[in-house]
Amino acid sequence: MAKISIRHEHTQPEHTVREVLDRLTDELHQEYQITSVWHGNRIDFHRSGASGTLMLHPHRVDIEIRLNMMLSMFERKIRDVITDFCQKNLK
């Protein structure tokens, strides 16, 4: 099982970050059939073979993803897509 940990610093207000994260979860749902639910400042998400959490902090987003053995071969691509999204949308 592979684990992806991403920590991304940002300077945007919480409401803006929530909108950006909603777009991210919508894209992940469209592209990878990932379902997600907000619980306060945390998003829990999952799909067959993958699950994780996204924690919203005042100036940081922490993303933890666990991939089963089958999806672990896509670890680098998944990490790159999420990191790229954060760099472009959460400055």
N, C-alpha and C. Protein backbone atom coordinates (compact mmCIF):
# COMPACT_ATOMS: atom_id res chain seq x y z
N MET A 1 0.84 -1.18 0.00
CA MET A 1 0.00 0.00 0.00
C MET A 1 0.89 1.24 0.00
N ALA A 2 0.59 2.17 -0.89
CA ALA A 2 1.35 3.42 -0.98
C ALA A 2 0.61 4.54 -0.25
N LYS A 3 1.38 5.48 0.26
CA LYS A 3 0.79 6.63 0.94
C LYS A 3 1.39 7.90 0.35
N ILE A 4 0.52 8.84 0.02
CA ILE A 4 0.93 10.14 -0.50
C ILE A 4 0.61 11.18 0.57
N SER A 5 1.60 12.00 0.89
CA SER A 5 1.40 13.10 1.83
C SER A 5 1.81 14.39 1.14
N ILE A 6 0.90 15.34 1.08
CA ILE A 6 1.18 16.62 0.45
C ILE A 6 0.83 17.72 1.46
N ARG A 7 1.73 18.64 1.64
CA ARG A 7 1.49 19.82 2.49
C ARG A 7 1.70 21.03 1.60
N HIS A 8 0.66 21.86 1.47
CA HIS A 8 0.74 23.02 0.60
C HIS A 8 0.39 24.28 1.38
N GLU A 9 1.33 25.22 1.41
CA GLU A 9 1.12 26.51 2.08
C GLU A 9 0.39 27.46 1.12
N HIS A 10 -0.46 28.32 1.68
CA HIS A 10 -1.19 29.30 0.87
C HIS A 10 -1.42 30.56 1.68
N THR A 11 -1.86 31.63 1.00
CA THR A 11 -2.13 32.90 1.67
C THR A 11 -3.57 33.37 1.46
N GLN A 12 -4.41 32.52 0.93
CA GLN A 12 -5.78 32.91 0.61
C GLN A 12 -6.72 32.74 1.80
N PRO A 13 -7.82 33.51 1.82
CA PRO A 13 -8.80 33.37 2.91
C PRO A 13 -9.52 32.01 2.82
N GLU A 14 -10.05 31.59 3.96
CA GLU A 14 -10.67 30.26 4.05
C GLU A 14 -11.78 30.05 3.02
N HIS A 15 -12.66 31.04 2.84
CA HIS A 15 -13.78 30.84 1.90
C HIS A 15 -13.27 30.60 0.48
N THR A 16 -12.19 31.27 0.10
CA THR A 16 -11.61 31.07 -1.23
C THR A 16 -11.01 29.67 -1.35
N VAL A 17 -10.31 29.25 -0.31
CA VAL A 17 -9.69 27.92 -0.31
C VAL A 17 -10.77 26.84 -0.39
N ARG A 18 -11.86 27.02 0.34
CA ARG A 18 -12.96 26.05 0.28
C ARG A 18 -13.52 25.94 -1.15
N GLU A 19 -13.67 27.08 -1.83
CA GLU A 19 -14.15 27.05 -3.21
C GLU A 19 -13.18 26.30 -4.12
N VAL A 20 -11.90 26.54 -3.94
CA VAL A 20 -10.87 25.86 -4.73
C VAL A 20 -10.90 24.36 -4.45
N LEU A 21 -11.01 23.99 -3.18
CA LEU A 21 -11.04 22.57 -2.83
C LEU A 21 -12.30 21.89 -3.34
N ASP A 22 -13.41 22.62 -3.38
CA ASP A 22 -14.62 22.07 -3.98
C ASP A 22 -14.40 21.78 -5.46
N ARG A 23 -13.70 22.69 -6.15
CA ARG A 23 -13.38 22.44 -7.57
C ARG A 23 -12.48 21.21 -7.71
N LEU A 24 -11.49 21.09 -6.82
CA LEU A 24 -10.59 19.94 -6.86
C LEU A 24 -11.37 18.64 -6.67
N THR A 25 -12.24 18.59 -5.67
CA THR A 25 -13.00 17.36 -5.43
C THR A 25 -13.96 17.07 -6.58
N ASP A 26 -14.53 18.12 -7.19
CA ASP A 26 -15.38 17.92 -8.37
C ASP A 26 -14.58 17.31 -9.52
N GLU A 27 -13.37 17.84 -9.75
CA GLU A 27 -12.52 17.30 -10.82
C GLU A 27 -12.13 15.85 -10.54
N LEU A 28 -11.79 15.55 -9.28
CA LEU A 28 -11.42 14.18 -8.93
C LEU A 28 -12.60 13.22 -9.08
N HIS A 29 -13.80 13.73 -8.79
CA HIS A 29 -14.99 12.90 -8.97
C HIS A 29 -15.22 12.63 -10.46
N GLN A 30 -15.12 13.67 -11.27
CA GLN A 30 -15.34 13.51 -12.71
C GLN A 30 -14.29 12.58 -13.34
N GLU A 31 -13.04 12.79 -12.97
CA GLU A 31 -11.94 12.06 -13.60
C GLU A 31 -11.75 10.65 -13.04
N TYR A 32 -11.91 10.51 -11.71
CA TYR A 32 -11.54 9.23 -11.06
C TYR A 32 -12.66 8.61 -10.23
N GLN A 33 -13.88 9.16 -10.29
CA GLN A 33 -15.03 8.64 -9.54
C GLN A 33 -14.77 8.63 -8.03
N ILE A 34 -14.06 9.64 -7.56
CA ILE A 34 -13.79 9.76 -6.13
C ILE A 34 -14.95 10.51 -5.48
N THR A 35 -15.48 9.96 -4.41
CA THR A 35 -16.54 10.64 -3.66
C THR A 35 -15.91 11.32 -2.45
N SER A 36 -16.47 12.45 -2.07
CA SER A 36 -15.90 13.19 -0.95
C SER A 36 -17.00 13.85 -0.13
N VAL A 37 -16.71 14.07 1.16
CA VAL A 37 -17.65 14.69 2.09
C VAL A 37 -16.87 15.62 3.01
N TRP A 38 -17.39 16.85 3.16
CA TRP A 38 -16.82 17.80 4.12
C TRP A 38 -17.28 17.43 5.53
N HIS A 39 -16.35 17.50 6.48
CA HIS A 39 -16.63 17.35 7.92
C HIS A 39 -15.89 18.50 8.61
N GLY A 40 -16.53 19.64 8.75
CA GLY A 40 -15.85 20.81 9.32
C GLY A 40 -14.76 21.29 8.37
N ASN A 41 -13.52 21.23 8.82
CA ASN A 41 -12.38 21.65 7.99
C ASN A 41 -11.66 20.46 7.36
N ARG A 42 -12.31 19.33 7.29
CA ARG A 42 -11.72 18.12 6.73
C ARG A 42 -12.61 17.57 5.63
N ILE A 43 -11.97 17.10 4.57
CA ILE A 43 -12.68 16.37 3.53
C ILE A 43 -12.22 14.93 3.59
N ASP A 44 -13.16 14.02 3.72
CA ASP A 44 -12.85 12.59 3.60
C ASP A 44 -13.23 12.17 2.20
N PHE A 45 -12.35 11.41 1.54
CA PHE A 45 -12.66 10.98 0.19
C PHE A 45 -12.24 9.53 0.00
N HIS A 46 -12.92 8.88 -0.96
CA HIS A 46 -12.57 7.48 -1.25
C HIS A 46 -13.11 7.05 -2.61
N ARG A 47 -12.58 5.99 -3.06
CA ARG A 47 -13.03 5.25 -4.23
C ARG A 47 -12.41 3.87 -4.11
N SER A 48 -12.78 2.99 -4.94
CA SER A 48 -12.21 1.65 -4.89
C SER A 48 -10.69 1.73 -5.02
N GLY A 49 -9.98 1.27 -4.02
CA GLY A 49 -8.53 1.24 -4.06
C GLY A 49 -7.83 2.48 -3.53
N ALA A 50 -8.58 3.51 -3.15
CA ALA A 50 -7.95 4.73 -2.65
C ALA A 50 -8.86 5.41 -1.63
N SER A 51 -8.22 6.02 -0.64
CA SER A 51 -8.97 6.80 0.35
C SER A 51 -8.03 7.82 0.95
N GLY A 52 -8.61 8.81 1.61
CA GLY A 52 -7.75 9.80 2.23
C GLY A 52 -8.51 10.94 2.86
N THR A 53 -7.73 11.91 3.33
CA THR A 53 -8.29 13.10 3.95
C THR A 53 -7.56 14.34 3.44
N LEU A 54 -8.27 15.42 3.49
CA LEU A 54 -7.72 16.72 3.16
C LEU A 54 -8.09 17.64 4.32
N MET A 55 -7.08 18.16 5.00
CA MET A 55 -7.31 19.05 6.15
C MET A 55 -7.01 20.48 5.76
N LEU A 56 -7.96 21.35 6.05
CA LEU A 56 -7.82 22.78 5.78
C LEU A 56 -7.39 23.46 7.07
N HIS A 57 -6.20 24.09 7.04
CA HIS A 57 -5.68 24.86 8.16
C HIS A 57 -5.65 26.33 7.73
N PRO A 58 -5.43 27.27 8.65
CA PRO A 58 -5.47 28.69 8.29
C PRO A 58 -4.61 29.08 7.08
N HIS A 59 -3.41 28.56 6.95
CA HIS A 59 -2.58 28.93 5.81
C HIS A 59 -1.89 27.72 5.19
N ARG A 60 -2.57 26.58 5.30
CA ARG A 60 -1.98 25.34 4.81
C ARG A 60 -3.08 24.32 4.53
N VAL A 61 -2.81 23.47 3.56
CA VAL A 61 -3.68 22.34 3.25
C VAL A 61 -2.81 21.08 3.36
N ASP A 62 -3.28 20.10 4.12
CA ASP A 62 -2.59 18.81 4.24
C ASP A 62 -3.44 17.74 3.57
N ILE A 63 -2.83 16.99 2.68
CA ILE A 63 -3.54 15.95 1.95
C ILE A 63 -2.83 14.62 2.21
N GLU A 64 -3.59 13.63 2.64
CA GLU A 64 -3.09 12.27 2.88
C GLU A 64 -3.92 11.31 2.03
N ILE A 65 -3.25 10.51 1.23
CA ILE A 65 -3.94 9.56 0.36
C ILE A 65 -3.31 8.19 0.53
N ARG A 66 -4.14 7.18 0.68
CA ARG A 66 -3.68 5.79 0.74
C ARG A 66 -4.16 5.07 -0.52
N LEU A 67 -3.22 4.42 -1.18
CA LEU A 67 -3.52 3.71 -2.42
C LEU A 67 -3.28 2.22 -2.23
N ASN A 68 -4.17 1.39 -2.77
CA ASN A 68 -3.92 -0.04 -2.70
C ASN A 68 -2.80 -0.40 -3.67
N MET A 69 -2.40 -1.65 -3.67
CA MET A 69 -1.27 -2.07 -4.49
C MET A 69 -1.50 -1.80 -5.97
N MET A 70 -2.71 -2.01 -6.44
CA MET A 70 -3.00 -1.80 -7.85
C MET A 70 -2.83 -0.34 -8.25
N LEU A 71 -3.34 0.58 -7.44
CA LEU A 71 -3.24 2.00 -7.76
C LEU A 71 -1.88 2.60 -7.40
N SER A 72 -1.10 1.90 -6.61
CA SER A 72 0.19 2.46 -6.19
C SER A 72 1.12 2.72 -7.38
N MET A 73 0.89 2.04 -8.50
CA MET A 73 1.72 2.30 -9.68
C MET A 73 1.45 3.68 -10.27
N PHE A 74 0.34 4.32 -9.86
CA PHE A 74 0.00 5.66 -10.32
C PHE A 74 0.32 6.72 -9.28
N GLU A 75 1.06 6.35 -8.26
CA GLU A 75 1.36 7.27 -7.15
C GLU A 75 1.98 8.57 -7.65
N ARG A 76 2.98 8.51 -8.48
CA ARG A 76 3.66 9.72 -8.96
C ARG A 76 2.69 10.61 -9.75
N LYS A 77 1.89 10.02 -10.63
CA LYS A 77 0.95 10.81 -11.44
C LYS A 77 -0.08 11.49 -10.54
N ILE A 78 -0.62 10.77 -9.58
CA ILE A 78 -1.62 11.33 -8.66
C ILE A 78 -1.00 12.47 -7.86
N ARG A 79 0.19 12.25 -7.32
CA ARG A 79 0.89 13.29 -6.56
C ARG A 79 1.12 14.53 -7.44
N ASP A 80 1.59 14.31 -8.66
CA ASP A 80 1.89 15.42 -9.56
C ASP A 80 0.64 16.22 -9.92
N VAL A 81 -0.48 15.53 -10.18
CA VAL A 81 -1.73 16.21 -10.54
C VAL A 81 -2.22 17.08 -9.38
N ILE A 82 -2.20 16.55 -8.18
CA ILE A 82 -2.70 17.30 -7.03
C ILE A 82 -1.75 18.45 -6.69
N THR A 83 -0.45 18.19 -6.71
CA THR A 83 0.53 19.25 -6.43
C THR A 83 0.41 20.37 -7.45
N ASP A 84 0.29 20.02 -8.71
CA ASP A 84 0.15 21.02 -9.77
C ASP A 84 -1.12 21.85 -9.56
N PHE A 85 -2.22 21.19 -9.24
CA PHE A 85 -3.48 21.88 -8.99
C PHE A 85 -3.31 22.89 -7.84
N CYS A 86 -2.71 22.45 -6.76
CA CYS A 86 -2.52 23.34 -5.60
C CYS A 86 -1.63 24.52 -5.95
N GLN A 87 -0.55 24.28 -6.68
CA GLN A 87 0.36 25.36 -7.04
C GLN A 87 -0.32 26.39 -7.94
N LYS A 88 -1.19 25.94 -8.80
CA LYS A 88 -1.87 26.86 -9.73
C LYS A 88 -3.04 27.59 -9.06
N ASN A 89 -3.69 26.96 -8.10
CA ASN A 89 -4.94 27.50 -7.55
C ASN A 89 -4.88 27.98 -6.11
N LEU A 90 -3.87 27.59 -5.36
CA LEU A 90 -3.75 28.00 -3.96
C LEU A 90 -2.41 28.67 -3.74
N LYS A 91 -2.39 29.96 -3.93
CA LYS A 91 -1.11 30.70 -3.81
C LYS A 91 -1.04 31.46 -2.52
